[in-house]
PDB file of all heavy atoms in Angstrom:
ATOM      1  N   HIS A   1     -43.557 -70.742 274.776  1.00  0.00           N
ATOM      2  CA  HIS A   1     -42.506 -70.582 275.786  1.00  0.00           C
ATOM      3  C   HIS A   1     -41.424 -71.660 275.663  1.00  0.00           C
ATOM      4  O   HIS A   1     -40.322 -71.490 276.174  1.00  0.00           O
ATOM      5  CB  HIS A   1     -43.116 -70.653 277.193  1.00  0.00           C
ATOM      6  CG  HIS A   1     -44.122 -69.580 277.453  1.00  0.00           C
ATOM      7  ND1 HIS A   1     -45.411 -69.643 276.965  1.00  0.00           N
ATOM      8  CD2 HIS A   1     -44.033 -68.421 278.146  1.00  0.00           C
ATOM      9  CE1 HIS A   1     -46.071 -68.566 277.343  1.00  0.00           C
ATOM     10  NE2 HIS A   1     -45.272 -67.807 278.059  1.00  0.00           N
ATOM     11  N   ALA A   2     -41.751 -72.768 274.990  1.00  0.00           N
ATOM     12  CA  ALA A   2     -40.767 -73.840 274.818  1.00  0.00           C
ATOM     13  C   ALA A   2     -39.520 -73.350 274.088  1.00  0.00           C
ATOM     14  O   ALA A   2     -38.426 -73.908 274.264  1.00  0.00           O
ATOM     15  CB  ALA A   2     -41.393 -75.005 274.047  1.00  0.00           C
ATOM     16  N   LEU A   3     -39.641 -72.302 273.279  1.00  0.00           N
ATOM     17  CA  LEU A   3     -38.482 -71.746 272.563  1.00  0.00           C
ATOM     18  C   LEU A   3     -37.437 -71.176 273.522  1.00  0.00           C
ATOM     19  O   LEU A   3     -36.291 -70.988 273.153  1.00  0.00           O
ATOM     20  CB  LEU A   3     -38.928 -70.632 271.605  1.00  0.00           C
ATOM     21  CG  LEU A   3     -39.670 -71.036 270.336  1.00  0.00           C
ATOM     22  CD1 LEU A   3     -40.059 -69.789 269.556  1.00  0.00           C
ATOM     23  CD2 LEU A   3     -38.806 -71.947 269.477  1.00  0.00           C
ATOM     24  N   LEU A   4     -37.863 -70.877 274.740  1.00  0.00           N
ATOM     25  CA  LEU A   4     -36.980 -70.205 275.683  1.00  0.00           C
ATOM     26  C   LEU A   4     -36.098 -71.180 276.456  1.00  0.00           C
ATOM     27  O   LEU A   4     -35.208 -70.763 277.186  1.00  0.00           O
ATOM     28  CB  LEU A   4     -37.813 -69.375 276.681  1.00  0.00           C
ATOM     29  CG  LEU A   4     -38.909 -68.496 276.058  1.00  0.00           C
ATOM     30  CD1 LEU A   4     -39.703 -67.794 277.143  1.00  0.00           C
ATOM     31  CD2 LEU A   4     -38.304 -67.482 275.113  1.00  0.00           C
ATOM     32  N   GLY A   5     -36.342 -72.480 276.321  1.00  0.00           N
ATOM     33  CA  GLY A   5     -35.606 -73.472 277.102  1.00  0.00           C
ATOM     34  C   GLY A   5     -34.119 -73.523 276.769  1.00  0.00           C
ATOM     35  O   GLY A   5     -33.688 -73.157 275.670  1.00  0.00           O
ATOM     36  N   ASP A   6     -33.340 -74.009 277.729  1.00  0.00           N
ATOM     37  CA  ASP A   6     -31.880 -74.088 277.565  1.00  0.00           C
ATOM     38  C   ASP A   6     -31.473 -75.008 276.415  1.00  0.00           C
ATOM     39  O   ASP A   6     -30.415 -74.830 275.814  1.00  0.00           O
ATOM     40  CB  ASP A   6     -31.231 -74.588 278.866  1.00  0.00           C
ATOM     41  CG  ASP A   6     -31.368 -73.570 279.992  1.00  0.00           C
ATOM     42  OD1 ASP A   6     -31.569 -72.378 279.681  1.00  0.00           O
ATOM     43  OD2 ASP A   6     -31.290 -73.974 281.160  1.00  0.00           O
ATOM     44  N   GLN A   7     -32.295 -76.014 276.112  1.00  0.00           N
ATOM     45  CA  GLN A   7     -31.934 -76.968 275.057  1.00  0.00           C
ATOM     46  C   GLN A   7     -32.047 -76.357 273.658  1.00  0.00           C
ATOM     47  O   GLN A   7     -31.495 -76.894 272.703  1.00  0.00           O
ATOM     48  CB  GLN A   7     -32.838 -78.202 275.141  1.00  0.00           C
ATOM     49  CG  GLN A   7     -32.591 -79.078 276.365  1.00  0.00           C
ATOM     50  CD  GLN A   7     -33.515 -80.283 276.332  1.00  0.00           C
ATOM     51  OE1 GLN A   7     -34.719 -80.156 276.112  1.00  0.00           O
ATOM     52  NE2 GLN A   7     -32.956 -81.466 276.545  1.00  0.00           N
ATOM     53  N   VAL A   8     -32.761 -75.262 273.551  1.00  0.00           N
ATOM     54  CA  VAL A   8     -32.990 -74.661 272.235  1.00  0.00           C
ATOM     55  C   VAL A   8     -31.806 -73.768 271.869  1.00  0.00           C
ATOM     56  O   VAL A   8     -31.528 -72.778 272.537  1.00  0.00           O
ATOM     57  CB  VAL A   8     -34.294 -73.834 272.221  1.00  0.00           C
ATOM     58  CG1 VAL A   8     -34.545 -73.260 270.828  1.00  0.00           C
ATOM     59  CG2 VAL A   8     -35.473 -74.686 272.674  1.00  0.00           C
ATOM     60  N   GLN A   9     -31.101 -74.154 270.808  1.00  0.00           N
ATOM     61  CA  GLN A   9     -29.952 -73.375 270.330  1.00  0.00           C
ATOM     62  C   GLN A   9     -30.117 -73.098 268.835  1.00  0.00           C
ATOM     63  O   GLN A   9     -30.495 -73.987 268.074  1.00  0.00           O
ATOM     64  CB  GLN A   9     -28.644 -74.131 270.586  1.00  0.00           C
ATOM     65  CG  GLN A   9     -28.355 -74.338 272.068  1.00  0.00           C
ATOM     66  CD  GLN A   9     -27.011 -75.013 272.296  1.00  0.00           C
ATOM     67  OE1 GLN A   9     -26.336 -75.405 271.338  1.00  0.00           O
ATOM     68  NE2 GLN A   9     -26.631 -75.155 273.552  1.00  0.00           N
ATOM     69  N   PHE A  10     -29.821 -71.866 268.447  1.00  0.00           N
ATOM     70  CA  PHE A  10     -29.951 -71.462 267.047  1.00  0.00           C
ATOM     71  C   PHE A  10     -28.574 -71.399 266.392  1.00  0.00           C
ATOM     72  O   PHE A  10     -27.587 -71.065 267.046  1.00  0.00           O
ATOM     73  CB  PHE A  10     -30.610 -70.082 266.958  1.00  0.00           C
ATOM     74  CG  PHE A  10     -32.064 -70.070 267.335  1.00  0.00           C
ATOM     75  CD1 PHE A  10     -32.454 -69.995 268.661  1.00  0.00           C
ATOM     76  CD2 PHE A  10     -33.049 -70.132 266.350  1.00  0.00           C
ATOM     77  CE1 PHE A  10     -33.794 -69.981 269.011  1.00  0.00           C
ATOM     78  CE2 PHE A  10     -34.397 -70.121 266.693  1.00  0.00           C
ATOM     79  CZ  PHE A  10     -34.766 -70.048 268.023  1.00  0.00           C
ATOM     80  N   ALA A  11     -28.531 -71.704 265.088  1.00  0.00           N
ATOM     81  CA  ALA A  11     -27.271 -71.579 264.347  1.00  0.00           C
ATOM     82  C   ALA A  11     -26.969 -70.104 264.081  1.00  0.00           C
ATOM     83  O   ALA A  11     -25.828 -69.653 264.225  1.00  0.00           O
ATOM     84  CB  ALA A  11     -27.369 -72.354 263.029  1.00  0.00           C
ATOM     85  N   ASP A  12     -27.999 -69.330 263.704  1.00  0.00           N
ATOM     86  CA  ASP A  12     -27.808 -67.902 263.393  1.00  0.00           C
ATOM     87  C   ASP A  12     -29.144 -67.187 263.549  1.00  0.00           C
ATOM     88  O   ASP A  12     -29.866 -66.977 262.572  1.00  0.00           O
ATOM     89  CB  ASP A  12     -27.275 -67.752 261.958  1.00  0.00           C
ATOM     90  CG  ASP A  12     -27.074 -66.281 261.571  1.00  0.00           C
ATOM     91  OD1 ASP A  12     -27.064 -65.423 262.473  1.00  0.00           O
ATOM     92  OD2 ASP A  12     -26.942 -66.002 260.359  1.00  0.00           O
ATOM     93  N   LEU A  13     -29.477 -66.839 264.785  1.00  0.00           N
ATOM     94  CA  LEU A  13     -30.759 -66.169 265.040  1.00  0.00           C
ATOM     95  C   LEU A  13     -30.650 -64.709 264.606  1.00  0.00           C
ATOM     96  O   LEU A  13     -29.917 -63.920 265.193  1.00  0.00           O
ATOM     97  CB  LEU A  13     -31.123 -66.262 266.526  1.00  0.00           C
ATOM     98  CG  LEU A  13     -32.455 -65.610 266.924  1.00  0.00           C
ATOM     99  CD1 LEU A  13     -33.624 -66.241 266.170  1.00  0.00           C
ATOM    100  CD2 LEU A  13     -32.683 -65.720 268.433  1.00  0.00           C
ATOM    101  N   GLY A  14     -31.401 -64.347 263.558  1.00  0.00           N
ATOM    102  CA  GLY A  14     -31.311 -62.990 263.029  1.00  0.00           C
ATOM    103  C   GLY A  14     -32.511 -62.118 263.337  1.00  0.00           C
ATOM    104  O   GLY A  14     -32.417 -60.895 263.313  1.00  0.00           O
ATOM    105  N   LEU A  15     -33.677 -62.745 263.624  1.00  0.00           N
ATOM    106  CA  LEU A  15     -34.901 -61.974 263.841  1.00  0.00           C
ATOM    107  C   LEU A  15     -35.768 -62.663 264.882  1.00  0.00           C
ATOM    108  O   LEU A  15     -36.010 -63.872 264.807  1.00  0.00           O
ATOM    109  CB  LEU A  15     -35.685 -61.849 262.518  1.00  0.00           C
ATOM    110  CG  LEU A  15     -37.077 -61.203 262.601  1.00  0.00           C
ATOM    111  CD1 LEU A  15     -36.979 -59.735 263.006  1.00  0.00           C
ATOM    112  CD2 LEU A  15     -37.816 -61.341 261.256  1.00  0.00           C
ATOM    113  N   VAL A  16     -36.217 -61.892 265.848  1.00  0.00           N
ATOM    114  CA  VAL A  16     -37.189 -62.365 266.834  1.00  0.00           C
ATOM    115  C   VAL A  16     -38.497 -61.633 266.565  1.00  0.00           C
ATOM    116  O   VAL A  16     -38.534 -60.401 266.536  1.00  0.00           O
ATOM    117  CB  VAL A  16     -36.712 -62.090 268.281  1.00  0.00           C
ATOM    118  CG1 VAL A  16     -37.836 -62.353 269.273  1.00  0.00           C
ATOM    119  CG2 VAL A  16     -35.489 -62.929 268.609  1.00  0.00           C
ATOM    120  N   VAL A  17     -39.566 -62.391 266.343  1.00  0.00           N
ATOM    121  CA  VAL A  17     -40.900 -61.815 266.164  1.00  0.00           C
ATOM    122  C   VAL A  17     -41.733 -62.206 267.385  1.00  0.00           C
ATOM    123  O   VAL A  17     -41.865 -63.398 267.689  1.00  0.00           O
ATOM    124  CB  VAL A  17     -41.578 -62.333 264.877  1.00  0.00           C
ATOM    125  CG1 VAL A  17     -42.959 -61.705 264.715  1.00  0.00           C
ATOM    126  CG2 VAL A  17     -40.712 -62.034 263.659  1.00  0.00           C
ATOM    127  N   VAL A  18     -42.248 -61.227 268.080  1.00  0.00           N
ATOM    128  CA  VAL A  18     -43.071 -61.490 269.265  1.00  0.00           C
ATOM    129  C   VAL A  18     -44.508 -61.136 268.920  1.00  0.00           C
ATOM    130  O   VAL A  18     -44.813 -59.981 268.623  1.00  0.00           O
ATOM    131  CB  VAL A  18     -42.591 -60.663 270.482  1.00  0.00           C
ATOM    132  CG1 VAL A  18     -43.437 -60.992 271.707  1.00  0.00           C
ATOM    133  CG2 VAL A  18     -41.120 -60.940 270.766  1.00  0.00           C
ATOM    134  N   ASP A  19     -45.381 -62.145 268.948  1.00  0.00           N
ATOM    135  CA  ASP A  19     -46.785 -61.926 268.610  1.00  0.00           C
ATOM    136  C   ASP A  19     -47.566 -61.625 269.878  1.00  0.00           C
ATOM    137  O   ASP A  19     -47.513 -62.395 270.838  1.00  0.00           O
ATOM    138  CB  ASP A  19     -47.351 -63.180 267.932  1.00  0.00           C
ATOM    139  CG  ASP A  19     -48.721 -62.932 267.327  1.00  0.00           C
ATOM    140  OD1 ASP A  19     -49.058 -61.771 267.071  1.00  0.00           O
ATOM    141  OD2 ASP A  19     -49.455 -63.914 267.105  1.00  0.00           O
ATOM    142  N   GLU A  20     -48.285 -60.515 269.883  1.00  0.00           N
ATOM    143  CA  GLU A  20     -49.041 -60.072 271.056  1.00  0.00           C
ATOM    144  C   GLU A  20     -48.129 -59.998 272.267  1.00  0.00           C
ATOM    145  O   GLU A  20     -48.263 -60.745 273.222  1.00  0.00           O
ATOM    146  CB  GLU A  20     -50.236 -61.002 271.307  1.00  0.00           C
ATOM    147  CG  GLU A  20     -51.288 -60.907 270.231  1.00  0.00           C
ATOM    148  CD  GLU A  20     -51.798 -59.481 270.009  1.00  0.00           C
ATOM    149  OE1 GLU A  20     -51.930 -58.736 270.980  1.00  0.00           O
ATOM    150  OE2 GLU A  20     -52.044 -59.130 268.847  1.00  0.00           O
ATOM    151  N   GLN A  21     -47.202 -59.037 272.222  1.00  0.00           N
ATOM    152  CA  GLN A  21     -46.113 -58.980 273.186  1.00  0.00           C
ATOM    153  C   GLN A  21     -46.592 -58.757 274.611  1.00  0.00           C
ATOM    154  O   GLN A  21     -45.908 -59.100 275.552  1.00  0.00           O
ATOM    155  CB  GLN A  21     -45.125 -57.904 272.787  1.00  0.00           C
ATOM    156  CG  GLN A  21     -45.472 -56.506 273.217  1.00  0.00           C
ATOM    157  CD  GLN A  21     -44.391 -55.924 274.069  1.00  0.00           C
ATOM    158  OE1 GLN A  21     -43.236 -56.251 273.921  1.00  0.00           O
ATOM    159  NE2 GLN A  21     -44.762 -55.068 274.984  1.00  0.00           N
ATOM    160  N   HIS A  22     -47.801 -58.201 274.814  1.00  0.00           N
ATOM    161  CA  HIS A  22     -48.256 -57.990 276.181  1.00  0.00           C
ATOM    162  C   HIS A  22     -48.512 -59.302 276.906  1.00  0.00           C
ATOM    163  O   HIS A  22     -48.710 -59.317 278.115  1.00  0.00           O
ATOM    164  CB  HIS A  22     -49.534 -57.140 276.183  1.00  0.00           C
ATOM    165  CG  HIS A  22     -50.714 -57.813 275.563  1.00  0.00           C
ATOM    166  ND1 HIS A  22     -50.858 -57.941 274.207  1.00  0.00           N
ATOM    167  CD2 HIS A  22     -51.803 -58.399 276.117  1.00  0.00           C
ATOM    168  CE1 HIS A  22     -51.987 -58.568 273.953  1.00  0.00           C
ATOM    169  NE2 HIS A  22     -52.584 -58.858 275.091  1.00  0.00           N
ATOM    170  N   ARG A  23     -48.506 -60.423 276.168  1.00  0.00           N
ATOM    171  CA  ARG A  23     -48.720 -61.725 276.799  1.00  0.00           C
ATOM    172  C   ARG A  23     -47.443 -62.302 277.405  1.00  0.00           C
ATOM    173  O   ARG A  23     -47.486 -63.353 278.024  1.00  0.00           O
ATOM    174  CB  ARG A  23     -49.256 -62.720 275.764  1.00  0.00           C
ATOM    175  CG  ARG A  23     -50.595 -62.335 275.158  1.00  0.00           C
ATOM    176  CD  ARG A  23     -51.686 -62.436 276.215  1.00  0.00           C
ATOM    177  NE  ARG A  23     -52.979 -62.170 275.613  1.00  0.00           N
ATOM    178  CZ  ARG A  23     -53.961 -63.063 275.571  1.00  0.00           C
ATOM    179  NH1 ARG A  23     -53.782 -64.263 276.061  1.00  0.00           N
ATOM    180  NH2 ARG A  23     -55.118 -62.741 275.058  1.00  0.00           N
ATOM    181  N   PHE A  24     -46.316 -61.654 277.190  1.00  0.00           N
ATOM    182  CA  PHE A  24     -45.047 -62.219 277.641  1.00  0.00           C
ATOM    183  C   PHE A  24     -44.376 -61.326 278.668  1.00  0.00           C
ATOM    184  O   PHE A  24     -44.424 -60.107 278.580  1.00  0.00           O
ATOM    185  CB  PHE A  24     -44.103 -62.431 276.452  1.00  0.00           C
ATOM    186  CG  PHE A  24     -44.603 -63.454 275.474  1.00  0.00           C
ATOM    187  CD1 PHE A  24     -45.248 -63.064 274.321  1.00  0.00           C
ATOM    188  CD2 PHE A  24     -44.471 -64.804 275.740  1.00  0.00           C
ATOM    189  CE1 PHE A  24     -45.744 -64.001 273.425  1.00  0.00           C
ATOM    190  CE2 PHE A  24     -44.964 -65.749 274.847  1.00  0.00           C
ATOM    191  CZ  PHE A  24     -45.601 -65.351 273.696  1.00  0.00           C
ATOM    192  N   GLY A  25     -43.738 -61.959 279.645  1.00  0.00           N
ATOM    193  CA  GLY A  25     -42.966 -61.212 280.628  1.00  0.00           C
ATOM    194  C   GLY A  25     -41.623 -60.793 280.053  1.00  0.00           C
ATOM    195  O   GLY A  25     -41.168 -61.301 279.023  1.00  0.00           O
ATOM    196  N   VAL A  26     -40.982 -59.899 280.748  1.00  0.00           N
ATOM    197  CA  VAL A  26     -39.691 -59.357 280.309  1.00  0.00           C
ATOM    198  C   VAL A  26     -38.654 -60.469 280.159  1.00  0.00           C
ATOM    199  O   VAL A  26     -37.953 -60.559 279.155  1.00  0.00           O
ATOM    200  CB  VAL A  26     -39.204 -58.312 281.330  1.00  0.00           C
ATOM    201  CG1 VAL A  26     -37.801 -57.850 280.980  1.00  0.00           C
ATOM    202  CG2 VAL A  26     -40.153 -57.130 281.349  1.00  0.00           C
ATOM    203  N   GLU A  27     -38.552 -61.314 281.155  1.00  0.00           N
ATOM    204  CA  GLU A  27     -37.522 -62.354 281.139  1.00  0.00           C
ATOM    205  C   GLU A  27     -37.702 -63.292 279.954  1.00  0.00           C
ATOM    206  O   GLU A  27     -36.742 -63.768 279.367  1.00  0.00           O
ATOM    207  CB  GLU A  27     -37.567 -63.154 282.449  1.00  0.00           C
ATOM    208  CG  GLU A  27     -37.064 -62.392 283.662  1.00  0.00           C
ATOM    209  CD  GLU A  27     -35.576 -62.052 283.553  1.00  0.00           C
ATOM    210  OE1 GLU A  27     -34.856 -62.715 282.788  1.00  0.00           O
ATOM    211  OE2 GLU A  27     -35.145 -61.097 284.210  1.00  0.00           O
ATOM    212  N   GLN A  28     -38.955 -63.587 279.616  1.00  0.00           N
ATOM    213  CA  GLN A  28     -39.209 -64.510 278.512  1.00  0.00           C
ATOM    214  C   GLN A  28     -38.719 -63.940 277.188  1.00  0.00           C
ATOM    215  O   GLN A  28     -38.081 -64.635 276.402  1.00  0.00           O
ATOM    216  CB  GLN A  28     -40.711 -64.811 278.446  1.00  0.00           C
ATOM    217  CG  GLN A  28     -41.219 -65.553 279.671  1.00  0.00           C
ATOM    218  CD  GLN A  28     -42.718 -65.493 279.795  1.00  0.00           C
ATOM    219  OE1 GLN A  28     -43.354 -64.531 279.391  1.00  0.00           O
ATOM    220  NE2 GLN A  28     -43.295 -66.527 280.372  1.00  0.00           N
ATOM    221  N   ARG A  29     -39.017 -62.668 276.954  1.00  0.00           N
ATOM    222  CA  ARG A  29     -38.576 -62.063 275.698  1.00  0.00           C
ATOM    223  C   ARG A  29     -37.060 -61.965 275.635  1.00  0.00           C
ATOM    224  O   ARG A  29     -36.439 -62.217 274.610  1.00  0.00           O
ATOM    225  CB  ARG A  29     -39.209 -60.672 275.547  1.00  0.00           C
ATOM    226  CG  ARG A  29     -40.707 -60.721 275.423  1.00  0.00           C
ATOM    227  CD  ARG A  29     -41.267 -59.400 274.947  1.00  0.00           C
ATOM    228  NE  ARG A  29     -41.018 -58.301 275.851  1.00  0.00           N
ATOM    229  CZ  ARG A  29     -41.799 -57.973 276.862  1.00  0.00           C
ATOM    230  NH1 ARG A  29     -42.867 -58.705 277.124  1.00  0.00           N
ATOM    231  NH2 ARG A  29     -41.525 -56.942 277.624  1.00  0.00           N
ATOM    232  N   GLU A  30     -36.455 -61.612 276.760  1.00  0.00           N
ATOM    233  CA  GLU A  30     -35.010 -61.421 276.767  1.00  0.00           C
ATOM    234  C   GLU A  30     -34.267 -62.738 276.601  1.00  0.00           C
ATOM    235  O   GLU A  30     -33.237 -62.798 275.939  1.00  0.00           O
ATOM    236  CB  GLU A  30     -34.598 -60.741 278.077  1.00  0.00           C
ATOM    237  CG  GLU A  30     -33.095 -60.622 278.290  1.00  0.00           C
ATOM    238  CD  GLU A  30     -32.386 -59.822 277.205  1.00  0.00           C
ATOM    239  OE1 GLU A  30     -33.056 -59.203 276.362  1.00  0.00           O
ATOM    240  OE2 GLU A  30     -31.147 -59.837 277.203  1.00  0.00           O
ATOM    241  N   SER A  31     -34.793 -63.821 277.189  1.00  0.00           N
ATOM    242  CA  SER A  31     -34.093 -65.103 277.077  1.00  0.00           C
ATOM    243  C   SER A  31     -34.052 -65.575 275.625  1.00  0.00           C
ATOM    244  O   SER A  31     -33.109 -66.252 275.212  1.00  0.00           O
ATOM    245  CB  SER A  31     -34.744 -66.163 277.969  1.00  0.00           C
ATOM    246  OG  SER A  31     -36.073 -66.387 277.576  1.00  0.00           O
ATOM    247  N   LEU A  32     -35.037 -65.202 274.824  1.00  0.00           N
ATOM    248  CA  LEU A  32     -35.009 -65.549 273.400  1.00  0.00           C
ATOM    249  C   LEU A  32     -34.012 -64.666 272.655  1.00  0.00           C
ATOM    250  O   LEU A  32     -33.256 -65.140 271.796  1.00  0.00           O
ATOM    251  CB  LEU A  32     -36.411 -65.410 272.801  1.00  0.00           C
ATOM    252  CG  LEU A  32     -36.590 -65.839 271.339  1.00  0.00           C
ATOM    253  CD1 LEU A  32     -36.092 -67.258 271.130  1.00  0.00           C
ATOM    254  CD2 LEU A  32     -38.054 -65.732 270.928  1.00  0.00           C
TER     255      LEU A  32
END
């Protein structure tokens, strides 16, 4: 979940891989 914090910024985020997606809430996935 630390990846979702405001301090985390990507130069060019091209792919999001969610492992075992049922473990994450909607907001968490969307914020990434």
